[in-house]
Amino acid sequence: MREMPEEIEIDPEKIEGGVARFKSPSCNHVITVSRPKLKTPNPSPPEINEEKVSRSKFGRLGLRGKIFLILFVIPICMLALAVPFTIGYIFMVK
């Protein structure tokens, strides 16, 4: 890096865009300057009231519970509901 013979102050408001280039008045060296980034404080996350958060009935089951429900409980219930109709159909045919 090259040493500058004097310190140069630049107004950040005069920088158009993000980067500006200019020549040093003393040594004609091209200097590239970028606009300083503004430091913004991290906003705190919004507070969540437990009363306002409503979960659905299936929100508490988790993935295993949902898989168990879909692949085991619902088919068993469907079979249990279908058996009386099947038995009634068998006796009607005879």
PDB file of N, CA and C in Angstrom:
ATOM      1  N   MET A   1       0.845  -1.170   0.000  1.00  0.00           N
ATOM      2  CA  MET A   1       0.000   0.000   0.000  1.00  0.00           C
ATOM      3  C   MET A   1       0.890   1.233   0.000  1.00  0.00           C
ATOM      4  N   ARG A   2       0.474   2.224  -0.704  1.00  0.00           N
ATOM      5  CA  ARG A   2       1.289   3.429  -0.871  1.00  0.00           C
ATOM      6  C   ARG A   2       0.986   4.438   0.235  1.00  0.00           C
ATOM      7  N   GLU A   3       2.035   5.053   0.773  1.00  0.00           N
ATOM      8  CA  GLU A   3       1.883   6.079   1.803  1.00  0.00           C
ATOM      9  C   GLU A   3       1.490   7.398   1.161  1.00  0.00           C
ATOM     10  N   MET A   4       0.516   8.051   1.748  1.00  0.00           N
ATOM     11  CA  MET A   4       0.100   9.358   1.251  1.00  0.00           C
ATOM     12  C   MET A   4       0.865  10.436   2.013  1.00  0.00           C
ATOM     13  N   PRO A   5       1.334  11.471   1.329  1.00  0.00           N
ATOM     14  CA  PRO A   5       2.087  12.517   2.020  1.00  0.00           C
ATOM     15  C   PRO A   5       1.213  13.361   2.938  1.00  0.00           C
ATOM     16  N   GLU A   6      -0.070  13.403   2.707  1.00  0.00           N
ATOM     17  CA  GLU A   6      -0.957  14.190   3.569  1.00  0.00           C
ATOM     18  C   GLU A   6      -2.284  13.449   3.741  1.00  0.00           C
ATOM     19  N   GLU A   7      -2.989  13.791   4.767  1.00  0.00           N
ATOM     20  CA  GLU A   7      -4.279  13.172   5.043  1.00  0.00           C
ATOM     21  C   GLU A   7      -5.375  13.988   4.346  1.00  0.00           C
ATOM     22  N   ILE A   8      -6.282  13.277   3.686  1.00  0.00           N
ATOM     23  CA  ILE A   8      -7.353  13.934   2.935  1.00  0.00           C
ATOM     24  C   ILE A   8      -8.682  13.581   3.582  1.00  0.00           C
ATOM     25  N   GLU A   9      -9.513  14.567   3.844  1.00  0.00           N
ATOM     26  CA  GLU A   9     -10.839  14.337   4.394  1.00  0.00           C
ATOM     27  C   GLU A   9     -11.867  14.426   3.277  1.00  0.00           C
ATOM     28  N   ILE A  10     -12.780  13.469   3.276  1.00  0.00           N
ATOM     29  CA  ILE A  10     -13.808  13.396   2.234  1.00  0.00           C
ATOM     30  C   ILE A  10     -15.173  13.389   2.905  1.00  0.00           C
ATOM     31  N   ASP A  11     -16.069  14.199   2.383  1.00  0.00           N
ATOM     32  CA  ASP A  11     -17.435  14.234   2.895  1.00  0.00           C
ATOM     33  C   ASP A  11     -18.201  13.041   2.316  1.00  0.00           C
ATOM     34  N   PRO A  12     -18.725  12.129   3.167  1.00  0.00           N
ATOM     35  CA  PRO A  12     -19.444  10.954   2.659  1.00  0.00           C
ATOM     36  C   PRO A  12     -20.699  11.320   1.853  1.00  0.00           C
ATOM     37  N   GLU A  13     -21.276  12.485   2.086  1.00  0.00           N
ATOM     38  CA  GLU A  13     -22.472  12.898   1.357  1.00  0.00           C
ATOM     39  C   GLU A  13     -22.167  13.189  -0.113  1.00  0.00           C
ATOM     40  N   LYS A  14     -20.915  13.512  -0.428  1.00  0.00           N
ATOM     41  CA  LYS A  14     -20.546  13.831  -1.807  1.00  0.00           C
ATOM     42  C   LYS A  14     -20.270  12.588  -2.644  1.00  0.00           C
ATOM     43  N   ILE A  15     -20.213  11.434  -2.015  1.00  0.00           N
ATOM     44  CA  ILE A  15     -19.963  10.194  -2.749  1.00  0.00           C
ATOM     45  C   ILE A  15     -21.286   9.749  -3.371  1.00  0.00           C
ATOM     46  N   GLU A  16     -21.322   9.718  -4.695  1.00  0.00           N
ATOM     47  CA  GLU A  16     -22.517   9.269  -5.403  1.00  0.00           C
ATOM     48  C   GLU A  16     -22.407   7.766  -5.608  1.00  0.00           C
ATOM     49  N   GLY A  17     -23.461   7.062  -5.280  1.00  0.00           N
ATOM     50  CA  GLY A  17     -23.411   5.611  -5.368  1.00  0.00           C
ATOM     51  C   GLY A  17     -22.663   5.052  -4.173  1.00  0.00           C
ATOM     52  N   GLY A  18     -21.988   3.936  -4.365  1.00  0.00           N
ATOM     53  CA  GLY A  18     -21.288   3.311  -3.259  1.00  0.00           C
ATOM     54  C   GLY A  18     -19.800   3.565  -3.264  1.00  0.00           C
ATOM     55  N   VAL A  19     -19.216   3.897  -4.449  1.00  0.00           N
ATOM     56  CA  VAL A  19     -17.773   4.035  -4.570  1.00  0.00           C
ATOM     57  C   VAL A  19     -17.452   5.301  -5.363  1.00  0.00           C
ATOM     58  N   ALA A  20     -16.387   5.995  -4.963  1.00  0.00           N
ATOM     59  CA  ALA A  20     -15.932   7.185  -5.698  1.00  0.00           C
ATOM     60  C   ALA A  20     -14.430   7.089  -5.916  1.00  0.00           C
ATOM     61  N   ARG A  21     -13.955   7.619  -7.048  1.00  0.00           N
ATOM     62  CA  ARG A  21     -12.528   7.644  -7.354  1.00  0.00           C
ATOM     63  C   ARG A  21     -12.112   9.094  -7.591  1.00  0.00           C
ATOM     64  N   PHE A  22     -10.936   9.432  -7.098  1.00  0.00           N
ATOM     65  CA  PHE A  22     -10.403  10.771  -7.347  1.00  0.00           C
ATOM     66  C   PHE A  22      -8.881  10.709  -7.277  1.00  0.00           C
ATOM     67  N   LYS A  23      -8.254  11.760  -7.774  1.00  0.00           N
ATOM     68  CA  LYS A  23      -6.789  11.849  -7.753  1.00  0.00           C
ATOM     69  C   LYS A  23      -6.342  12.693  -6.572  1.00  0.00           C
ATOM     70  N   SER A  24      -5.261  12.258  -5.968  1.00  0.00           N
ATOM     71  CA  SER A  24      -4.674  13.022  -4.872  1.00  0.00           C
ATOM     72  C   SER A  24      -4.079  14.309  -5.436  1.00  0.00           C
ATOM     73  N   PRO A  25      -4.341  15.453  -4.785  1.00  0.00           N
ATOM     74  CA  PRO A  25      -3.803  16.713  -5.311  1.00  0.00           C
ATOM     75  C   PRO A  25      -2.276  16.806  -5.220  1.00  0.00           C
ATOM     76  N   SER A  26      -1.661  16.045  -4.325  1.00  0.00           N
ATOM     77  CA  SER A  26      -0.215  16.182  -4.148  1.00  0.00           C
ATOM     78  C   SER A  26       0.590  15.222  -5.027  1.00  0.00           C
ATOM     79  N   CYS A  27       0.086  13.999  -5.219  1.00  0.00           N
ATOM     80  CA  CYS A  27       0.896  13.021  -5.959  1.00  0.00           C
ATOM     81  C   CYS A  27       0.191  12.437  -7.185  1.00  0.00           C
ATOM     82  N   ASN A  28      -1.021  12.879  -7.495  1.00  0.00           N
ATOM     83  CA  ASN A  28      -1.803  12.404  -8.635  1.00  0.00           C
ATOM     84  C   ASN A  28      -2.077  10.895  -8.610  1.00  0.00           C
ATOM     85  N   HIS A  29      -2.058  10.316  -7.436  1.00  0.00           N
ATOM     86  CA  HIS A  29      -2.371   8.905  -7.282  1.00  0.00           C
ATOM     87  C   HIS A  29      -3.889   8.749  -7.241  1.00  0.00           C
ATOM     88  N   VAL A  30      -4.438   7.745  -7.962  1.00  0.00           N
ATOM     89  CA  VAL A  30      -5.890   7.517  -7.981  1.00  0.00           C
ATOM     90  C   VAL A  30      -6.294   6.789  -6.702  1.00  0.00           C
ATOM     91  N   ILE A  31      -7.257   7.354  -5.999  1.00  0.00           N
ATOM     92  CA  ILE A  31      -7.726   6.805  -4.731  1.00  0.00           C
ATOM     93  C   ILE A  31      -9.178   6.376  -4.902  1.00  0.00           C
ATOM     94  N   THR A  32      -9.488   5.189  -4.439  1.00  0.00           N
ATOM     95  CA  THR A  32     -10.858   4.679  -4.480  1.00  0.00           C
ATOM     96  C   THR A  32     -11.401   4.700  -3.062  1.00  0.00           C
ATOM     97  N   VAL A  33     -12.558   5.321  -2.895  1.00  0.00           N
ATOM     98  CA  VAL A  33     -13.185   5.449  -1.580  1.00  0.00           C
ATOM     99  C   VAL A  33     -14.591   4.899  -1.661  1.00  0.00           C
ATOM    100  N   SER A  34     -14.981   4.126  -0.644  1.00  0.00           N
ATOM    101  CA  SER A  34     -16.356   3.619  -0.594  1.00  0.00           C
ATOM    102  C   SER A  34     -17.110   4.335   0.516  1.00  0.00           C
ATOM    103  N   ARG A  35     -18.407   4.424   0.322  1.00  0.00           N
ATOM    104  CA  ARG A  35     -19.263   5.105   1.307  1.00  0.00           C
ATOM    105  C   ARG A  35     -19.317   4.262   2.579  1.00  0.00           C
ATOM    106  N   PRO A  36     -19.157   4.874   3.738  1.00  0.00           N
ATOM    107  CA  PRO A  36     -19.215   4.090   4.983  1.00  0.00           C
ATOM    108  C   PRO A  36     -20.615   3.540   5.208  1.00  0.00           C
ATOM    109  N   LYS A  37     -20.660   2.328   5.705  1.00  0.00           N
ATOM    110  CA  LYS A  37     -21.947   1.698   5.989  1.00  0.00           C
ATOM    111  C   LYS A  37     -22.467   2.208   7.319  1.00  0.00           C
ATOM    112  N   LEU A  38     -23.754   2.514   7.336  1.00  0.00           N
ATOM    113  CA  LEU A  38     -24.368   2.987   8.574  1.00  0.00           C
ATOM    114  C   LEU A  38     -24.642   1.806   9.480  1.00  0.00           C
ATOM    115  N   LYS A  39     -24.260   1.956  10.715  1.00  0.00           N
ATOM    116  CA  LYS A  39     -24.519   0.900  11.685  1.00  0.00           C
ATOM    117  C   LYS A  39     -25.890   1.133  12.293  1.00  0.00           C
ATOM    118  N   THR A  40     -26.771   0.182  12.068  1.00  0.00           N
ATOM    119  CA  THR A  40     -28.107   0.269  12.659  1.00  0.00           C
ATOM    120  C   THR A  40     -28.201  -0.764  13.764  1.00  0.00           C
ATOM    121  N   PRO A  41     -28.770  -0.403  14.866  1.00  0.00           N
ATOM    122  CA  PRO A  41     -28.903  -1.384  15.939  1.00  0.00           C
ATOM    123  C   PRO A  41     -29.873  -2.482  15.515  1.00  0.00           C
ATOM    124  N   ASN A  42     -29.568  -3.692  15.962  1.00  0.00           N
ATOM    125  CA  ASN A  42     -30.447  -4.811  15.638  1.00  0.00           C
ATOM    126  C   ASN A  42     -31.771  -4.624  16.361  1.00  0.00           C
ATOM    127  N   PRO A  43     -32.859  -4.612  15.606  1.00  0.00           N
ATOM    128  CA  PRO A  43     -34.154  -4.456  16.272  1.00  0.00           C
ATOM    129  C   PRO A  43     -34.477  -5.694  17.091  1.00  0.00           C
ATOM    130  N   SER A  44     -35.038  -5.483  18.241  1.00  0.00           N
ATOM    131  CA  SER A  44     -35.394  -6.617  19.078  1.00  0.00           C
ATOM    132  C   SER A  44     -36.616  -7.308  18.472  1.00  0.00           C
ATOM    133  N   PRO A  45     -36.670  -8.629  18.588  1.00  0.00           N
ATOM    134  CA  PRO A  45     -37.817  -9.336  18.013  1.00  0.00           C
ATOM    135  C   PRO A  45     -39.099  -8.943  18.746  1.00  0.00           C
ATOM    136  N   PRO A  46     -40.206  -8.950  18.031  1.00  0.00           N
ATOM    137  CA  PRO A  46     -41.466  -8.561  18.673  1.00  0.00           C
ATOM    138  C   PRO A  46     -41.850  -9.559  19.754  1.00  0.00           C
ATOM    139  N   GLU A  47     -42.439  -9.045  20.796  1.00  0.00           N
ATOM    140  CA  GLU A  47     -42.860  -9.913  21.890  1.00  0.00           C
ATOM    141  C   GLU A  47     -44.110 -10.671  21.468  1.00  0.00           C
ATOM    142  N   ILE A  48     -44.136 -11.953  21.797  1.00  0.00           N
ATOM    143  CA  ILE A  48     -45.267 -12.805  21.425  1.00  0.00           C
ATOM    144  C   ILE A  48     -46.001 -13.170  22.703  1.00  0.00           C
ATOM    145  N   ASN A  49     -47.258 -12.824  22.746  1.00  0.00           N
ATOM    146  CA  ASN A  49     -48.084 -13.215  23.882  1.00  0.00           C
ATOM    147  C   ASN A  49     -48.559 -14.639  23.675  1.00  0.00           C
ATOM    148  N   GLU A  50     -48.446 -15.436  24.716  1.00  0.00           N
ATOM    149  CA  GLU A  50     -48.864 -16.828  24.626  1.00  0.00           C
ATOM    150  C   GLU A  50     -50.361 -16.953  24.365  1.00  0.00           C
ATOM    151  N   GLU A  51     -51.127 -15.969  24.810  1.00  0.00           N
ATOM    152  CA  GLU A  51     -52.573 -16.033  24.624  1.00  0.00           C
ATOM    153  C   GLU A  51     -52.957 -15.876  23.157  1.00  0.00           C
ATOM    154  N   LYS A  52     -52.211 -15.064  22.413  1.00  0.00           N
ATOM    155  CA  LYS A  52     -52.553 -14.803  21.029  1.00  0.00           C
ATOM    156  C   LYS A  52     -52.147 -15.933  20.092  1.00  0.00           C
ATOM    157  N   VAL A  53     -51.130 -16.713  20.460  1.00  0.00           N
ATOM    158  CA  VAL A  53     -50.661 -17.789  19.606  1.00  0.00           C
ATOM    159  C   VAL A  53     -51.586 -18.977  19.758  1.00  0.00           C
ATOM    160  N   SER A  54     -52.251 -19.331  18.672  1.00  0.00           N
ATOM    161  CA  SER A  54     -53.132 -20.493  18.714  1.00  0.00           C
ATOM    162  C   SER A  54     -52.569 -21.537  17.768  1.00  0.00           C
ATOM    163  N   ARG A  55     -52.456 -22.723  18.269  1.00  0.00           N
ATOM    164  CA  ARG A  55     -51.946 -23.814  17.444  1.00  0.00           C
ATOM    165  C   ARG A  55     -53.108 -24.688  17.032  1.00  0.00           C
ATOM    166  N   SER A  56     -52.976 -25.254  15.870  1.00  0.00           N
ATOM    167  CA  SER A  56     -54.026 -26.149  15.413  1.00  0.00           C
ATOM    168  C   SER A  56     -53.955 -27.448  16.203  1.00  0.00           C
ATOM    169  N   LYS A  57     -54.940 -28.277  16.023  1.00  0.00           N
ATOM    170  CA  LYS A  57     -55.005 -29.540  16.750  1.00  0.00           C
ATOM    171  C   LYS A  57     -53.814 -30.430  16.393  1.00  0.00           C
ATOM    172  N   PHE A  58     -53.374 -30.359  15.140  1.00  0.00           N
ATOM    173  CA  PHE A  58     -52.269 -31.206  14.696  1.00  0.00           C
ATOM    174  C   PHE A  58     -50.911 -30.551  14.909  1.00  0.00           C
ATOM    175  N   GLY A  59     -50.863 -29.313  15.373  1.00  0.00           N
ATOM    176  CA  GLY A  59     -49.602 -28.622  15.592  1.00  0.00           C
ATOM    177  C   GLY A  59     -48.817 -29.200  16.745  1.00  0.00           C
ATOM    178  N   ARG A  60     -49.475 -29.869  17.669  1.00  0.00           N
ATOM    179  CA  ARG A  60     -48.789 -30.419  18.845  1.00  0.00           C
ATOM    180  C   ARG A  60     -48.325 -31.856  18.641  1.00  0.00           C
ATOM    181  N   LEU A  61     -48.733 -32.490  17.555  1.00  0.00           N
ATOM    182  CA  LEU A  61     -48.404 -33.901  17.370  1.00  0.00           C
ATOM    183  C   LEU A  61     -46.955 -34.136  16.980  1.00  0.00           C
ATOM    184  N   GLY A  62     -46.376 -33.280  16.210  1.00  0.00           N
ATOM    185  CA  GLY A  62     -45.038 -33.513  15.704  1.00  0.00           C
ATOM    186  C   GLY A  62     -45.102 -34.415  14.484  1.00  0.00           C
ATOM    187  N   LEU A  63     -43.955 -34.658  13.894  1.00  0.00           N
ATOM    188  CA  LEU A  63     -43.906 -35.422  12.659  1.00  0.00           C
ATOM    189  C   LEU A  63     -44.275 -36.885  12.870  1.00  0.00           C
ATOM    190  N   ARG A  64     -43.744 -37.498  13.916  1.00  0.00           N
ATOM    191  CA  ARG A  64     -44.055 -38.911  14.166  1.00  0.00           C
ATOM    192  C   ARG A  64     -45.530 -39.114  14.461  1.00  0.00           C
ATOM    193  N   GLY A  65     -46.099 -38.189  15.209  1.00  0.00           N
ATOM    194  CA  GLY A  65     -47.523 -38.306  15.519  1.00  0.00           C
ATOM    195  C   GLY A  65     -48.382 -38.186  14.285  1.00  0.00           C
ATOM    196  N   LYS A  66     -48.024 -37.276  13.386  1.00  0.00           N
ATOM    197  CA  LYS A  66     -48.787 -37.108  12.147  1.00  0.00           C
ATOM    198  C   LYS A  66     -48.674 -38.341  11.261  1.00  0.00           C
ATOM    199  N   ILE A  67     -47.465 -38.903  11.157  1.00  0.00           N
ATOM    200  CA  ILE A  67     -47.285 -40.114  10.353  1.00  0.00           C
ATOM    201  C   ILE A  67     -48.079 -41.269  10.951  1.00  0.00           C
ATOM    202  N   PHE A  68     -48.043 -41.418  12.263  1.00  0.00           N
ATOM    203  CA  PHE A  68     -48.808 -42.472  12.928  1.00  0.00           C
ATOM    204  C   PHE A  68     -50.295 -42.299  12.660  1.00  0.00           C
ATOM    205  N   LEU A  69     -50.774 -41.073  12.726  1.00  0.00           N
ATOM    206  CA  LEU A  69     -52.183 -40.793  12.501  1.00  0.00           C
ATOM    207  C   LEU A  69     -52.585 -41.121  11.068  1.00  0.00           C
ATOM    208  N   ILE A  70     -51.784 -40.684  10.102  1.00  0.00           N
ATOM    209  CA  ILE A  70     -52.142 -40.875   8.696  1.00  0.00           C
ATOM    210  C   ILE A  70     -52.001 -42.329   8.255  1.00  0.00           C
ATOM    211  N   LEU A  71     -50.962 -43.008   8.690  1.00  0.00           N
ATOM    212  CA  LEU A  71     -50.693 -44.354   8.195  1.00  0.00           C
ATOM    213  C   LEU A  71     -51.278 -45.469   9.049  1.00  0.00           C
ATOM    214  N   PHE A  72     -51.710 -45.188  10.260  1.00  0.00           N
ATOM    215  CA  PHE A  72     -52.206 -46.260  11.112  1.00  0.00           C
ATOM    216  C   PHE A  72     -53.621 -46.002  11.624  1.00  0.00           C
ATOM    217  N   VAL A  73     -53.840 -44.892  12.278  1.00  0.00           N
ATOM    218  CA  VAL A  73     -55.130 -44.650  12.935  1.00  0.00           C
ATOM    219  C   VAL A  73     -56.251 -44.449  11.916  1.00  0.00           C
ATOM    220  N   ILE A  74     -56.029 -43.617  10.917  1.00  0.00           N
ATOM    221  CA  ILE A  74     -57.092 -43.337   9.948  1.00  0.00           C
ATOM    222  C   ILE A  74     -57.470 -44.591   9.152  1.00  0.00           C
ATOM    223  N   PRO A  75     -56.532 -45.403   8.642  1.00  0.00           N
ATOM    224  CA  PRO A  75     -56.944 -46.633   7.943  1.00  0.00           C
ATOM    225  C   PRO A  75     -57.699 -47.615   8.844  1.00  0.00           C
ATOM    226  N   ILE A  76     -57.298 -47.733  10.115  1.00  0.00           N
ATOM    227  CA  ILE A  76     -58.016 -48.632  11.033  1.00  0.00           C
ATOM    228  C   ILE A  76     -59.452 -48.150  11.225  1.00  0.00           C
ATOM    229  N   CYS A  77     -59.629 -46.846  11.376  1.00  0.00           N
ATOM    230  CA  CYS A  77     -60.980 -46.301  11.529  1.00  0.00           C
ATOM    231  C   CYS A  77     -61.815 -46.527  10.272  1.00  0.00           C
ATOM    232  N   MET A  78     -61.204 -46.375   9.113  1.00  0.00           N
ATOM    233  CA  MET A  78     -61.935 -46.605   7.866  1.00  0.00           C
ATOM    234  C   MET A  78     -62.348 -48.063   7.726  1.00  0.00           C
ATOM    235  N   LEU A  79     -61.467 -48.981   8.123  1.00  0.00           N
ATOM    236  CA  LEU A  79     -61.826 -50.400   8.088  1.00  0.00           C
ATOM    237  C   LEU A  79     -62.934 -50.709   9.080  1.00  0.00           C
ATOM    238  N   ALA A  80     -62.862 -50.121  10.261  1.00  0.00           N
ATOM    239  CA  ALA A  80     -63.895 -50.367  11.272  1.00  0.00           C
ATOM    240  C   ALA A  80     -65.248 -49.856  10.795  1.00  0.00           C
ATOM    241  N   LEU A  81     -65.275 -48.750  10.085  1.00  0.00           N
ATOM    242  CA  LEU A  81     -66.528 -48.231   9.556  1.00  0.00           C
ATOM    243  C   LEU A  81     -67.032 -49.033   8.361  1.00  0.00           C
ATOM    244  N   ALA A  82     -66.138 -49.661   7.613  1.00  0.00           N
ATOM    245  CA  ALA A  82     -66.528 -50.409   6.417  1.00  0.00           C
ATOM    246  C   ALA A  82     -67.036 -51.809   6.739  1.00  0.00           C
ATOM    247  N   VAL A  83     -66.648 -52.378   7.877  1.00  0.00           N
ATOM    248  CA  VAL A  83     -67.037 -53.764   8.201  1.00  0.00           C
ATOM    249  C   VAL A  83     -68.554 -53.935   8.292  1.00  0.00           C
ATOM    250  N   PRO A  84     -69.299 -53.084   8.982  1.00  0.00           N
ATOM    251  CA  PRO A  84     -70.752 -53.316   9.038  1.00  0.00           C
ATOM    252  C   PRO A  84     -71.414 -53.256   7.656  1.00  0.00           C
ATOM    253  N   PHE A  85     -70.959 -52.402   6.790  1.00  0.00           N
ATOM    254  CA  PHE A  85     -71.538 -52.330   5.446  1.00  0.00           C
ATOM    255  C   PHE A  85     -71.217 -53.584   4.648  1.00  0.00           C
ATOM    256  N   THR A  86     -69.997 -54.102   4.834  1.00  0.00           N
ATOM    257  CA  THR A  86     -69.599 -55.324   4.127  1.00  0.00           C
ATOM    258  C   THR A  86     -70.408 -56.512   4.608  1.00  0.00           C
ATOM    259  N   ILE A  87     -70.593 -56.621   5.909  1.00  0.00           N
ATOM    260  CA  ILE A  87     -71.370 -57.734   6.458  1.00  0.00           C
ATOM    261  C   ILE A  87     -72.815 -57.627   5.977  1.00  0.00           C
ATOM    262  N   GLY A  88     -73.349 -56.427   5.979  1.00  0.00           N
ATOM    263  CA  GLY A  88     -74.737 -56.234   5.493  1.00  0.00           C
ATOM    264  C   GLY A  88     -74.862 -56.580   4.021  1.00  0.00           C
ATOM    265  N   TYR A  89     -73.858 -56.263   3.208  1.00  0.00           N
ATOM    266  CA  TYR A  89     -73.896 -56.572   1.791  1.00  0.00           C
ATOM    267  C   TYR A  89     -73.821 -58.084   1.569  1.00  0.00           C
ATOM    268  N   ILE A  90     -72.997 -58.784   2.379  1.00  0.00           N
ATOM    269  CA  ILE A  90     -72.854 -60.246   2.221  1.00  0.00           C
ATOM    270  C   ILE A  90     -74.176 -60.930   2.513  1.00  0.00           C
ATOM    271  N   PHE A  91     -74.881 -60.476   3.576  1.00  0.00           N
ATOM    272  CA  PHE A  91     -76.146 -61.120   3.914  1.00  0.00           C
ATOM    273  C   PHE A  91     -77.266 -60.749   2.944  1.00  0.00           C
ATOM    274  N   MET A  92     -77.149 -59.620   2.292  1.00  0.00           N
ATOM    275  CA  MET A  92     -78.160 -59.222   1.312  1.00  0.00           C
ATOM    276  C   MET A  92     -78.037 -60.027   0.035  1.00  0.00           C
ATOM    277  N   VAL A  93     -76.840 -60.409  -0.336  1.00  0.00           N
ATOM    278  CA  VAL A  93     -76.614 -61.139  -1.581  1.00  0.00           C
ATOM    279  C   VAL A  93     -77.130 -62.556  -1.484  1.00  0.00           C
ATOM    280  N   LYS A  94     -77.051 -63.179  -0.335  1.00  0.00           N
ATOM    281  CA  LYS A  94     -77.468 -64.577  -0.166  1.00  0.00           C
ATOM    282  C   LYS A  94     -78.923 -64.759  -0.237  1.00  0.00           C
TER     283      LYS A  94
END
